[in-house]
Amino acid sequence: MSNRLGFVLLISFWAPMLCLAAKPKACVSAKKAEQMINKDLCVAAHVYEIVERPDGTRFLDVCPPDTPDSACRFTVISFAQDKKAVGELGKYRGKDVRIRGIVQSAHGRAVMVLSRARQFNGGPPAFRPNPLLLHGFSADQRRPPERDPNLHTYGRSRTYTNSRDQETRPAR
């Protein structure tokens, strides 16, 4: 009986880990990524050229050279403020890459923002808080910046015990 229990415990411990490590999500092509707007996915593409604008914004051109720019519907962009976190992109020229990120729509194209070098290894992009939500927030204020109805008592005192079920104490 003890051997059977040990076996069940062993299987229940290792089974979830084996399921997670079984097979990572497959990457989609840049052509398929065009139709998957607002999805977090892995894109497998060949980098034909790296274009850098004067303002420091860099683009990974994943469309073949014979494709006109108007027909290229997917691109990877790295902004100037992310240059240090992304690193040198020249080493990816002429190579097949796998980049993970959120595909967004910008100016009629599907765009993936490259904000960290770890995106090449399947890591998530950098988290950037919404500046509109940060408006009026200070770490030393006592109240939250927004009125949360879940935190409001609406005139009732918040109790964690039922006030009707009170024990009587013995008299002294």
Protein backbone atom coordinates (compact mmCIF):
# COMPACT_ATOMS: atom_id res chain seq x y z
CA MET A 1 0.00 0.00 0.00
CA SER A 2 2.81 2.39 0.85
CA ASN A 3 4.51 1.77 -2.52
CA ARG A 4 1.30 2.61 -4.35
CA LEU A 5 0.88 5.83 -2.36
CA GLY A 6 4.50 6.79 -3.06
CA PHE A 7 4.02 6.16 -6.77
CA VAL A 8 0.85 8.30 -6.87
CA LEU A 9 2.60 11.13 -5.04
CA LEU A 10 5.57 10.91 -7.41
CA ILE A 11 3.34 11.05 -10.49
CA SER A 12 1.23 13.90 -9.11
CA PHE A 13 4.41 15.88 -8.39
CA TRP A 14 6.16 15.38 -11.75
CA ALA A 15 3.17 15.27 -14.14
CA PRO A 16 2.50 19.05 -14.21
CA MET A 17 6.17 19.80 -14.82
CA LEU A 18 6.35 17.31 -17.67
CA CYS A 19 3.24 18.78 -19.27
CA LEU A 20 4.68 22.31 -19.15
CA ALA A 21 8.06 21.22 -20.51
CA ALA A 22 6.58 18.96 -23.16
CA LYS A 23 6.39 21.32 -26.11
CA PRO A 24 6.73 25.10 -26.32
CA LYS A 25 4.31 27.05 -28.48
CA ALA A 26 5.29 27.04 -32.11
CA CYS A 27 6.24 30.31 -33.74
CA VAL A 28 4.12 31.67 -36.56
CA SER A 29 5.40 33.24 -39.74
CA ALA A 30 5.40 36.98 -40.31
CA LYS A 31 2.63 36.49 -42.88
CA LYS A 32 0.36 34.84 -40.28
CA ALA A 33 1.29 37.43 -37.64
CA GLU A 34 -0.28 40.13 -39.83
CA GLN A 35 -3.74 38.77 -39.02
CA MET A 36 -3.09 38.22 -35.29
CA ILE A 37 -3.33 41.80 -33.98
CA ASN A 38 -3.20 42.28 -30.18
CA LYS A 39 -1.94 38.74 -29.59
CA ASP A 40 1.17 37.80 -27.62
CA LEU A 41 2.99 35.33 -29.83
CA CYS A 42 6.28 34.11 -31.18
CA VAL A 43 7.16 35.13 -34.73
CA ALA A 44 9.75 33.26 -36.78
CA ALA A 45 11.21 35.41 -39.56
CA HIS A 46 14.33 36.03 -41.60
CA VAL A 47 15.92 39.45 -41.06
CA TYR A 48 16.94 40.79 -44.46
CA GLU A 49 18.02 44.27 -43.39
CA ILE A 50 18.23 46.53 -40.36
CA VAL A 51 17.23 50.13 -40.97
CA GLU A 52 18.10 52.89 -38.50
CA ARG A 53 16.45 56.29 -38.64
CA PRO A 54 18.25 59.49 -37.57
CA ASP A 55 16.19 59.60 -34.35
CA GLY A 56 17.59 56.19 -33.29
CA THR A 57 14.53 54.09 -34.11
CA ARG A 58 15.53 50.78 -35.69
CA PHE A 59 13.50 48.47 -37.91
CA LEU A 60 14.12 44.80 -38.63
CA ASP A 61 13.06 44.32 -42.25
CA VAL A 62 11.57 40.83 -42.47
CA CYS A 63 10.21 41.15 -46.02
CA PRO A 64 12.24 39.86 -48.97
CA PRO A 65 14.10 42.56 -50.95
CA ASP A 66 11.95 41.97 -54.03
CA THR A 67 8.79 42.88 -52.06
CA PRO A 68 7.79 46.55 -52.41
CA ASP A 69 7.50 48.51 -49.16
CA SER A 70 3.75 49.01 -49.65
CA ALA A 71 3.24 45.22 -49.78
CA CYS A 72 5.25 44.53 -46.62
CA ARG A 73 2.59 44.28 -43.91
CA PHE A 74 4.72 43.22 -40.87
CA THR A 75 7.77 44.79 -39.27
CA VAL A 76 9.70 44.68 -35.99
CA ILE A 77 10.53 48.06 -34.45
CA SER A 78 12.96 48.99 -31.68
CA PHE A 79 12.69 52.50 -30.28
CA ALA A 80 15.68 54.69 -29.40
CA GLN A 81 15.01 54.57 -25.64
CA ASP A 82 15.32 50.75 -25.77
CA LYS A 83 18.69 50.71 -27.55
CA LYS A 84 20.66 49.80 -24.43
CA ALA A 85 18.22 47.03 -23.38
CA VAL A 86 18.02 45.53 -26.88
CA GLY A 87 21.69 45.81 -27.79
CA GLU A 88 23.32 45.60 -31.19
CA LEU A 89 20.94 44.38 -33.88
CA GLY A 90 23.51 44.11 -36.67
CA LYS A 91 24.33 40.54 -35.66
CA TYR A 92 20.82 39.46 -36.72
CA ARG A 93 21.16 40.70 -40.32
CA GLY A 94 20.76 37.78 -42.71
CA LYS A 95 19.69 35.37 -39.94
CA ASP A 96 16.52 33.55 -38.99
CA VAL A 97 15.17 34.83 -35.67
CA ARG A 98 12.37 33.99 -33.27
CA ILE A 99 10.92 37.02 -31.46
CA ARG A 100 8.20 37.01 -28.83
CA GLY A 101 5.97 40.01 -28.32
CA ILE A 102 2.57 41.57 -28.83
CA VAL A 103 1.59 42.27 -32.42
CA GLN A 104 0.04 45.72 -32.70
CA SER A 105 -1.48 47.71 -35.52
CA ALA A 106 0.30 50.90 -36.56
CA HIS A 107 -0.22 52.92 -39.75
CA GLY A 108 -1.91 50.02 -41.54
CA ARG A 109 0.80 47.50 -40.68
CA ALA A 110 1.28 44.82 -38.10
CA VAL A 111 4.14 45.82 -35.79
CA MET A 112 5.98 44.05 -33.01
CA VAL A 113 7.89 46.28 -30.60
CA LEU A 114 11.30 44.94 -29.62
CA SER A 115 12.09 46.45 -26.21
CA ARG A 116 14.37 43.81 -24.59
CA ALA A 117 16.99 41.42 -25.93
CA ARG A 118 15.32 38.57 -24.02
CA GLN A 119 12.48 38.67 -26.57
CA PHE A 120 14.79 36.78 -28.93
CA ASN A 121 14.83 33.91 -26.40
CA GLY A 122 11.09 33.81 -25.80
CA GLY A 123 11.03 36.34 -22.96
CA PRO A 124 8.31 38.96 -22.60
CA PRO A 125 8.66 42.57 -23.75
CA ALA A 126 9.25 45.35 -21.24
CA PHE A 127 6.25 46.42 -19.19
CA ARG A 128 5.39 50.07 -19.57
CA PRO A 129 2.69 51.46 -17.29
CA ASN A 130 -0.05 53.56 -18.80
CA PRO A 131 0.91 57.21 -18.11
CA LEU A 132 -2.77 58.20 -17.91
CA LEU A 133 -3.24 55.91 -14.92
CA LEU A 134 -0.17 57.32 -13.18
CA HIS A 135 -1.51 60.88 -13.27
CA GLY A 136 -1.87 62.21 -9.73
CA PHE A 137 -0.21 59.21 -8.10
CA SER A 138 2.37 59.68 -5.40
CA ALA A 139 3.93 56.96 -3.27
CA ASP A 140 3.52 58.97 -0.05
CA GLN A 141 -0.20 59.61 -0.35
CA ARG A 142 -2.53 57.64 1.91
CA ARG A 143 -5.39 57.12 -0.53
CA PRO A 144 -5.27 55.28 -3.85
CA PRO A 145 -5.24 57.57 -6.93
CA GLU A 146 -8.58 56.19 -8.14
CA ARG A 147 -11.76 55.60 -6.18
CA ASP A 148 -12.16 51.83 -5.96
CA PRO A 149 -15.70 50.73 -5.05
CA ASN A 150 -14.33 47.51 -3.59
CA LEU A 151 -12.44 49.49 -0.95
CA HIS A 152 -15.38 51.68 0.07
CA THR A 153 -17.54 50.63 3.05
CA TYR A 154 -20.61 52.74 2.11
CA GLY A 155 -21.34 53.70 5.73
CA ARG A 156 -21.03 50.18 7.09
CA SER A 157 -18.19 49.22 9.30
CA ARG A 158 -16.13 46.43 7.88
CA THR A 159 -16.10 43.43 10.17
CA TYR A 160 -14.55 40.07 9.71
CA THR A 161 -16.74 38.30 12.25
CA ASN A 162 -20.45 38.05 12.50
CA SER A 163 -21.54 40.50 15.20
CA ARG A 164 -24.67 38.47 15.95
CA ASP A 165 -22.69 35.39 16.99
CA GLN A 166 -20.98 36.63 20.10
CA GLU A 167 -19.87 34.42 22.91
CA THR A 168 -20.84 35.40 26.39
CA ARG A 169 -18.02 35.65 28.84
CA PRO A 170 -18.39 34.25 32.32
CA ALA A 171 -19.04 36.83 35.00
CA ARG A 172 -16.21 37.64 37.38
